[in-house]
Amino acid sequence: MKKLKRWLYAIAILIFSTLLVAFAYDMEQGTPIALSSTQAGRQEMLMWVAEVLGFKGSIVVGVLATGFGLYYAISQHFR
């Protein structure tokens, strides 16, 4: 069960990173982003991070976070 949990965390990090880059891209293009009806607080925090980092910074953070998440999941899987 612990191995599965690590992989689920890695997938969650991948989804977070994808959303971060997508929000940064949309903000850079000037596309209006409607708030979610159920997760507005989390969405606003993610949009703030995307705004602060910009598009290129969001890509760097997304790649690093996903890489470290996958590295951790893989290294712990084979222990």
PDB file of N, CA and C in Angstrom:
ATOM      1  N   MET A   1       0.807  -1.194   0.000  1.00  0.00           N
ATOM      2  CA  MET A   1       0.000   0.000   0.000  1.00  0.00           C
ATOM      3  C   MET A   1       0.857   1.268   0.000  1.00  0.00           C
ATOM      4  N   LYS A   2       2.008   1.225   0.699  1.00  0.00           N
ATOM      5  CA  LYS A   2       2.881   2.399   0.742  1.00  0.00           C
ATOM      6  C   LYS A   2       3.445   2.720  -0.636  1.00  0.00           C
ATOM      7  N   LYS A   3       3.764   1.668  -1.420  1.00  0.00           N
ATOM      8  CA  LYS A   3       4.290   1.894  -2.762  1.00  0.00           C
ATOM      9  C   LYS A   3       3.242   2.554  -3.651  1.00  0.00           C
ATOM     10  N   LEU A   4       2.011   2.135  -3.515  1.00  0.00           N
ATOM     11  CA  LEU A   4       0.936   2.727  -4.301  1.00  0.00           C
ATOM     12  C   LEU A   4       0.729   4.184  -3.924  1.00  0.00           C
ATOM     13  N   LYS A   5       0.819   4.480  -2.636  1.00  0.00           N
ATOM     14  CA  LYS A   5       0.646   5.857  -2.170  1.00  0.00           C
ATOM     15  C   LYS A   5       1.717   6.776  -2.762  1.00  0.00           C
ATOM     16  N   ARG A   6       2.941   6.289  -2.862  1.00  0.00           N
ATOM     17  CA  ARG A   6       4.019   7.101  -3.452  1.00  0.00           C
ATOM     18  C   ARG A   6       3.747   7.400  -4.915  1.00  0.00           C
ATOM     19  N   TRP A   7       3.233   6.414  -5.640  1.00  0.00           N
ATOM     20  CA  TRP A   7       2.908   6.638  -7.048  1.00  0.00           C
ATOM     21  C   TRP A   7       1.741   7.593  -7.195  1.00  0.00           C
ATOM     22  N   LEU A   8       0.779   7.518  -6.306  1.00  0.00           N
ATOM     23  CA  LEU A   8      -0.348   8.451  -6.356  1.00  0.00           C
ATOM     24  C   LEU A   8       0.100   9.882  -6.074  1.00  0.00           C
ATOM     25  N   TYR A   9       1.043  10.042  -5.152  1.00  0.00           N
ATOM     26  CA  TYR A   9       1.605  11.369  -4.905  1.00  0.00           C
ATOM     27  C   TYR A   9       2.343  11.888  -6.138  1.00  0.00           C
ATOM     28  N   ALA A  10       3.076  11.011  -6.804  1.00  0.00           N
ATOM     29  CA  ALA A  10       3.800  11.419  -8.011  1.00  0.00           C
ATOM     30  C   ALA A  10       2.816  11.861  -9.103  1.00  0.00           C
ATOM     31  N   ILE A  11       1.700  11.169  -9.225  1.00  0.00           N
ATOM     32  CA  ILE A  11       0.672  11.553 -10.207  1.00  0.00           C
ATOM     33  C   ILE A  11       0.035  12.878  -9.812  1.00  0.00           C
ATOM     34  N   ALA A  12      -0.201  13.083  -8.529  1.00  0.00           N
ATOM     35  CA  ALA A  12      -0.771  14.350  -8.062  1.00  0.00           C
ATOM     36  C   ALA A  12       0.184  15.514  -8.343  1.00  0.00           C
ATOM     37  N   ILE A  13       1.475  15.297  -8.152  1.00  0.00           N
ATOM     38  CA  ILE A  13       2.461  16.337  -8.449  1.00  0.00           C
ATOM     39  C   ILE A  13       2.465  16.640  -9.941  1.00  0.00           C
ATOM     40  N   LEU A  14       2.353  15.611 -10.759  1.00  0.00           N
ATOM     41  CA  LEU A  14       2.295  15.806 -12.208  1.00  0.00           C
ATOM     42  C   LEU A  14       1.081  16.643 -12.605  1.00  0.00           C
ATOM     43  N   ILE A  15      -0.071  16.366 -12.019  1.00  0.00           N
ATOM     44  CA  ILE A  15      -1.285  17.131 -12.314  1.00  0.00           C
ATOM     45  C   ILE A  15      -1.136  18.574 -11.839  1.00  0.00           C
ATOM     46  N   PHE A  16      -0.596  18.775 -10.644  1.00  0.00           N
ATOM     47  CA  PHE A  16      -0.353  20.121 -10.129  1.00  0.00           C
ATOM     48  C   PHE A  16       0.568  20.897 -11.060  1.00  0.00           C
ATOM     49  N   SER A  17       1.637  20.258 -11.517  1.00  0.00           N
ATOM     50  CA  SER A  17       2.591  20.920 -12.397  1.00  0.00           C
ATOM     51  C   SER A  17       1.950  21.300 -13.729  1.00  0.00           C
ATOM     52  N   THR A  18       1.134  20.417 -14.256  1.00  0.00           N
ATOM     53  CA  THR A  18       0.442  20.701 -15.515  1.00  0.00           C
ATOM     54  C   THR A  18      -0.504  21.878 -15.360  1.00  0.00           C
ATOM     55  N   LEU A  19      -1.248  21.905 -14.276  1.00  0.00           N
ATOM     56  CA  LEU A  19      -2.158  23.028 -14.030  1.00  0.00           C
ATOM     57  C   LEU A  19      -1.398  24.338 -13.842  1.00  0.00           C
ATOM     58  N   LEU A  20      -0.270  24.280 -13.151  1.00  0.00           N
ATOM     59  CA  LEU A  20       0.539  25.473 -12.941  1.00  0.00           C
ATOM     60  C   LEU A  20       1.004  26.066 -14.270  1.00  0.00           C
ATOM     61  N   VAL A  21       1.501  25.219 -15.153  1.00  0.00           N
ATOM     62  CA  VAL A  21       1.975  25.687 -16.459  1.00  0.00           C
ATOM     63  C   VAL A  21       0.807  26.185 -17.302  1.00  0.00           C
ATOM     64  N   ALA A  22      -0.321  25.479 -17.263  1.00  0.00           N
ATOM     65  CA  ALA A  22      -1.484  25.903 -18.042  1.00  0.00           C
ATOM     66  C   ALA A  22      -2.006  27.259 -17.569  1.00  0.00           C
ATOM     67  N   PHE A  23      -2.075  27.461 -16.267  1.00  0.00           N
ATOM     68  CA  PHE A  23      -2.521  28.765 -15.741  1.00  0.00           C
ATOM     69  C   PHE A  23      -1.543  29.870 -16.139  1.00  0.00           C
ATOM     70  N   ALA A  24      -0.247  29.593 -16.029  1.00  0.00           N
ATOM     71  CA  ALA A  24       0.755  30.599 -16.388  1.00  0.00           C
ATOM     72  C   ALA A  24       0.655  30.954 -17.868  1.00  0.00           C
ATOM     73  N   TYR A  25       0.443  29.958 -18.710  1.00  0.00           N
ATOM     74  CA  TYR A  25       0.310  30.216 -20.145  1.00  0.00           C
ATOM     75  C   TYR A  25      -0.928  31.062 -20.437  1.00  0.00           C
ATOM     76  N   ASP A  26      -2.044  30.680 -19.845  1.00  0.00           N
ATOM     77  CA  ASP A  26      -3.276  31.444 -20.057  1.00  0.00           C
ATOM     78  C   ASP A  26      -3.143  32.874 -19.549  1.00  0.00           C
ATOM     79  N   MET A  27      -2.494  33.065 -18.418  1.00  0.00           N
ATOM     80  CA  MET A  27      -2.325  34.411 -17.877  1.00  0.00           C
ATOM     81  C   MET A  27      -1.415  35.248 -18.785  1.00  0.00           C
ATOM     82  N   GLU A  28      -0.396  34.615 -19.328  1.00  0.00           N
ATOM     83  CA  GLU A  28       0.507  35.329 -20.227  1.00  0.00           C
ATOM     84  C   GLU A  28      -0.205  35.727 -21.521  1.00  0.00           C
ATOM     85  N   GLN A  29      -1.126  34.893 -21.970  1.00  0.00           N
ATOM     86  CA  GLN A  29      -1.878  35.181 -23.196  1.00  0.00           C
ATOM     87  C   GLN A  29      -3.036  36.137 -22.958  1.00  0.00           C
ATOM     88  N   GLY A  30      -3.358  36.391 -21.700  1.00  0.00           N
ATOM     89  CA  GLY A  30      -4.458  37.292 -21.367  1.00  0.00           C
ATOM     90  C   GLY A  30      -5.821  36.624 -21.388  1.00  0.00           C
ATOM     91  N   THR A  31      -5.848  35.312 -21.348  1.00  0.00           N
ATOM     92  CA  THR A  31      -7.101  34.566 -21.347  1.00  0.00           C
ATOM     93  C   THR A  31      -7.736  34.639 -19.966  1.00  0.00           C
ATOM     94  N   PRO A  32      -9.003  35.047 -19.878  1.00  0.00           N
ATOM     95  CA  PRO A  32      -9.650  35.078 -18.560  1.00  0.00           C
ATOM     96  C   PRO A  32      -9.880  33.657 -18.027  1.00  0.00           C
ATOM     97  N   ILE A  33      -9.649  33.488 -16.744  1.00  0.00           N
ATOM     98  CA  ILE A  33      -9.797  32.179 -16.106  1.00  0.00           C
ATOM     99  C   ILE A  33     -10.915  32.277 -15.080  1.00  0.00           C
ATOM    100  N   ALA A  34     -11.971  31.511 -15.297  1.00  0.00           N
ATOM    101  CA  ALA A  34     -13.102  31.500 -14.365  1.00  0.00           C
ATOM    102  C   ALA A  34     -12.744  30.648 -13.150  1.00  0.00           C
ATOM    103  N   LEU A  35     -13.196  31.092 -11.994  1.00  0.00           N
ATOM    104  CA  LEU A  35     -12.925  30.339 -10.768  1.00  0.00           C
ATOM    105  C   LEU A  35     -13.818  29.109 -10.676  1.00  0.00           C
ATOM    106  N   SER A  36     -13.256  28.056 -10.130  1.00  0.00           N
ATOM    107  CA  SER A  36     -14.001  26.827  -9.901  1.00  0.00           C
ATOM    108  C   SER A  36     -15.027  27.057  -8.796  1.00  0.00           C
ATOM    109  N   SER A  37     -16.133  26.369  -8.897  1.00  0.00           N
ATOM    110  CA  SER A  37     -17.167  26.545  -7.877  1.00  0.00           C
ATOM    111  C   SER A  37     -16.854  25.756  -6.609  1.00  0.00           C
ATOM    112  N   THR A  38     -16.018  24.722  -6.706  1.00  0.00           N
ATOM    113  CA  THR A  38     -15.753  23.881  -5.538  1.00  0.00           C
ATOM    114  C   THR A  38     -14.342  24.046  -4.971  1.00  0.00           C
ATOM    115  N   GLN A  39     -13.387  24.485  -5.774  1.00  0.00           N
ATOM    116  CA  GLN A  39     -11.994  24.581  -5.329  1.00  0.00           C
ATOM    117  C   GLN A  39     -11.426  25.977  -5.565  1.00  0.00           C
ATOM    118  N   ALA A  40     -12.218  27.005  -5.347  1.00  0.00           N
ATOM    119  CA  ALA A  40     -11.810  28.376  -5.680  1.00  0.00           C
ATOM    120  C   ALA A  40     -10.574  28.818  -4.898  1.00  0.00           C
ATOM    121  N   GLY A  41     -10.481  28.470  -3.642  1.00  0.00           N
ATOM    122  CA  GLY A  41      -9.335  28.870  -2.828  1.00  0.00           C
ATOM    123  C   GLY A  41      -8.035  28.270  -3.328  1.00  0.00           C
ATOM    124  N   ARG A  42      -8.057  26.984  -3.618  1.00  0.00           N
ATOM    125  CA  ARG A  42      -6.855  26.326  -4.134  1.00  0.00           C
ATOM    126  C   ARG A  42      -6.495  26.859  -5.512  1.00  0.00           C
ATOM    127  N   GLN A  43      -7.504  27.116  -6.315  1.00  0.00           N
ATOM    128  CA  GLN A  43      -7.260  27.646  -7.653  1.00  0.00           C
ATOM    129  C   GLN A  43      -6.641  29.038  -7.585  1.00  0.00           C
ATOM    130  N   GLU A  44      -7.118  29.871  -6.670  1.00  0.00           N
ATOM    131  CA  GLU A  44      -6.550  31.208  -6.524  1.00  0.00           C
ATOM    132  C   GLU A  44      -5.090  31.148  -6.078  1.00  0.00           C
ATOM    133  N   MET A  45      -4.753  30.217  -5.177  1.00  0.00           N
ATOM    134  CA  MET A  45      -3.363  30.073  -4.750  1.00  0.00           C
ATOM    135  C   MET A  45      -2.475  29.629  -5.910  1.00  0.00           C
ATOM    136  N   LEU A  46      -2.951  28.669  -6.685  1.00  0.00           N
ATOM    137  CA  LEU A  46      -2.188  28.183  -7.819  1.00  0.00           C
ATOM    138  C   LEU A  46      -2.021  29.268  -8.885  1.00  0.00           C
ATOM    139  N   MET A  47      -3.060  30.067  -9.078  1.00  0.00           N
ATOM    140  CA  MET A  47      -2.980  31.170 -10.042  1.00  0.00           C
ATOM    141  C   MET A  47      -1.993  32.234  -9.557  1.00  0.00           C
ATOM    142  N   TRP A  48      -1.953  32.473  -8.259  1.00  0.00           N
ATOM    143  CA  TRP A  48      -1.007  33.444  -7.717  1.00  0.00           C
ATOM    144  C   TRP A  48       0.431  32.978  -7.948  1.00  0.00           C
ATOM    145  N   VAL A  49       0.691  31.695  -7.696  1.00  0.00           N
ATOM    146  CA  VAL A  49       2.032  31.142  -7.927  1.00  0.00           C
ATOM    147  C   VAL A  49       2.385  31.246  -9.404  1.00  0.00           C
ATOM    148  N   ALA A  50       1.439  30.934 -10.286  1.00  0.00           N
ATOM    149  CA  ALA A  50       1.687  31.027 -11.723  1.00  0.00           C
ATOM    150  C   ALA A  50       1.971  32.459 -12.137  1.00  0.00           C
ATOM    151  N   GLU A  51       1.281  33.404 -11.536  1.00  0.00           N
ATOM    152  CA  GLU A  51       1.502  34.817 -11.849  1.00  0.00           C
ATOM    153  C   GLU A  51       2.882  35.270 -11.387  1.00  0.00           C
ATOM    154  N   VAL A  52       3.286  34.840 -10.204  1.00  0.00           N
ATOM    155  CA  VAL A  52       4.584  35.231  -9.656  1.00  0.00           C
ATOM    156  C   VAL A  52       5.726  34.621 -10.482  1.00  0.00           C
ATOM    157  N   LEU A  53       5.607  33.353 -10.833  1.00  0.00           N
ATOM    158  CA  LEU A  53       6.685  32.671 -11.541  1.00  0.00           C
ATOM    159  C   LEU A  53       6.733  33.003 -13.026  1.00  0.00           C
ATOM    160  N   GLY A  54       5.586  33.289 -13.599  1.00  0.00           N
ATOM    161  CA  GLY A  54       5.532  33.488 -15.043  1.00  0.00           C
ATOM    162  C   GLY A  54       5.517  32.149 -15.758  1.00  0.00           C
ATOM    163  N   PHE A  55       5.469  32.209 -17.089  1.00  0.00           N
ATOM    164  CA  PHE A  55       5.361  30.979 -17.875  1.00  0.00           C
ATOM    165  C   PHE A  55       6.635  30.143 -17.791  1.00  0.00           C
ATOM    166  N   LYS A  56       7.779  30.755 -18.019  1.00  0.00           N
ATOM    167  CA  LYS A  56       9.043  29.999 -18.003  1.00  0.00           C
ATOM    168  C   LYS A  56       9.375  29.485 -16.602  1.00  0.00           C
ATOM    169  N   GLY A  57       9.127  30.290 -15.597  1.00  0.00           N
ATOM    170  CA  GLY A  57       9.369  29.845 -14.225  1.00  0.00           C
ATOM    171  C   GLY A  57       8.458  28.694 -13.827  1.00  0.00           C
ATOM    172  N   SER A  58       7.218  28.741 -14.310  1.00  0.00           N
ATOM    173  CA  SER A  58       6.278  27.657 -14.019  1.00  0.00           C
ATOM    174  C   SER A  58       6.715  26.364 -14.686  1.00  0.00           C
ATOM    175  N   ILE A  59       7.268  26.471 -15.895  1.00  0.00           N
ATOM    176  CA  ILE A  59       7.776  25.276 -16.564  1.00  0.00           C
ATOM    177  C   ILE A  59       8.936  24.681 -15.771  1.00  0.00           C
ATOM    178  N   VAL A  60       9.842  25.524 -15.314  1.00  0.00           N
ATOM    179  CA  VAL A  60      10.992  25.043 -14.546  1.00  0.00           C
ATOM    180  C   VAL A  60      10.530  24.365 -13.260  1.00  0.00           C
ATOM    181  N   VAL A  61       9.634  25.020 -12.525  1.00  0.00           N
ATOM    182  CA  VAL A  61       9.132  24.438 -11.271  1.00  0.00           C
ATOM    183  C   VAL A  61       8.368  23.143 -11.553  1.00  0.00           C
ATOM    184  N   GLY A  62       7.554  23.129 -12.606  1.00  0.00           N
ATOM    185  CA  GLY A  62       6.793  21.929 -12.950  1.00  0.00           C
ATOM    186  C   GLY A  62       7.682  20.756 -13.314  1.00  0.00           C
ATOM    187  N   VAL A  63       8.719  21.009 -14.117  1.00  0.00           N
ATOM    188  CA  VAL A  63       9.633  19.935 -14.511  1.00  0.00           C
ATOM    189  C   VAL A  63      10.410  19.426 -13.302  1.00  0.00           C
ATOM    190  N   LEU A  64      10.907  20.334 -12.475  1.00  0.00           N
ATOM    191  CA  LEU A  64      11.661  19.907 -11.288  1.00  0.00           C
ATOM    192  C   LEU A  64      10.786  19.126 -10.307  1.00  0.00           C
ATOM    193  N   ALA A  65       9.587  19.633 -10.043  1.00  0.00           N
ATOM    194  CA  ALA A  65       8.692  18.950  -9.094  1.00  0.00           C
ATOM    195  C   ALA A  65       8.306  17.568  -9.611  1.00  0.00           C
ATOM    196  N   THR A  66       7.974  17.487 -10.893  1.00  0.00           N
ATOM    197  CA  THR A  66       7.598  16.194 -11.471  1.00  0.00           C
ATOM    198  C   THR A  66       8.787  15.243 -11.473  1.00  0.00           C
ATOM    199  N   GLY A  67       9.950  15.748 -11.835  1.00  0.00           N
ATOM    200  CA  GLY A  67      11.145  14.900 -11.846  1.00  0.00           C
ATOM    201  C   GLY A  67      11.494  14.355 -10.476  1.00  0.00           C
ATOM    202  N   PHE A  68      11.470  15.233  -9.471  1.00  0.00           N
ATOM    203  CA  PHE A  68      11.769  14.765  -8.112  1.00  0.00           C
ATOM    204  C   PHE A  68      10.696  13.811  -7.598  1.00  0.00           C
ATOM    205  N   GLY A  69       9.439  14.080  -7.920  1.00  0.00           N
ATOM    206  CA  GLY A  69       8.360  13.182  -7.503  1.00  0.00           C
ATOM    207  C   GLY A  69       8.498  11.798  -8.116  1.00  0.00           C
ATOM    208  N   LEU A  70       8.807  11.758  -9.406  1.00  0.00           N
ATOM    209  CA  LEU A  70       8.994  10.461 -10.068  1.00  0.00           C
ATOM    210  C   LEU A  70      10.252   9.760  -9.573  1.00  0.00           C
ATOM    211  N   TYR A  71      11.326  10.523  -9.374  1.00  0.00           N
ATOM    212  CA  TYR A  71      12.561   9.931  -8.850  1.00  0.00           C
ATOM    213  C   TYR A  71      12.312   9.283  -7.482  1.00  0.00           C
ATOM    214  N   TYR A  72      11.608   9.999  -6.617  1.00  0.00           N
ATOM    215  CA  TYR A  72      11.330   9.474  -5.285  1.00  0.00           C
ATOM    216  C   TYR A  72      10.454   8.209  -5.377  1.00  0.00           C
ATOM    217  N   ALA A  73       9.418   8.265  -6.213  1.00  0.00           N
ATOM    218  CA  ALA A  73       8.528   7.105  -6.336  1.00  0.00           C
ATOM    219  C   ALA A  73       9.282   5.888  -6.877  1.00  0.00           C
ATOM    220  N   ILE A  74      10.125   6.105  -7.873  1.00  0.00           N
ATOM    221  CA  ILE A  74      10.876   4.992  -8.460  1.00  0.00           C
ATOM    222  C   ILE A  74      11.909   4.452  -7.477  1.00  0.00           C
ATOM    223  N   SER A  75      12.643   5.346  -6.828  1.00  0.00           N
ATOM    224  CA  SER A  75      13.690   4.883  -5.903  1.00  0.00           C
ATOM    225  C   SER A  75      13.089   4.133  -4.707  1.00  0.00           C
ATOM    226  N   GLN A  76      11.936   4.581  -4.226  1.00  0.00           N
ATOM    227  CA  GLN A  76      11.305   3.900  -3.091  1.00  0.00           C
ATOM    228  C   GLN A  76      10.604   2.611  -3.521  1.00  0.00           C
ATOM    229  N   HIS A  77      10.213   2.544  -4.774  1.00  0.00           N
ATOM    230  CA  HIS A  77       9.508   1.354  -5.263  1.00  0.00           C
ATOM    231  C   HIS A  77      10.416   0.133  -5.255  1.00  0.00           C
ATOM    232  N   PHE A  78      11.692   0.336  -5.552  1.00  0.00           N
ATOM    233  CA  PHE A  78      12.613  -0.786  -5.660  1.00  0.00           C
ATOM    234  C   PHE A  78      13.427  -1.031  -4.394  1.00  0.00           C
ATOM    235  N   ARG A  79      13.013  -0.467  -3.288  1.00  0.00           N
ATOM    236  CA  ARG A  79      13.703  -0.739  -2.013  1.00  0.00           C
ATOM    237  C   ARG A  79      13.068  -1.886  -1.302  1.00  0.00           C
TER     238      ARG A  79
END
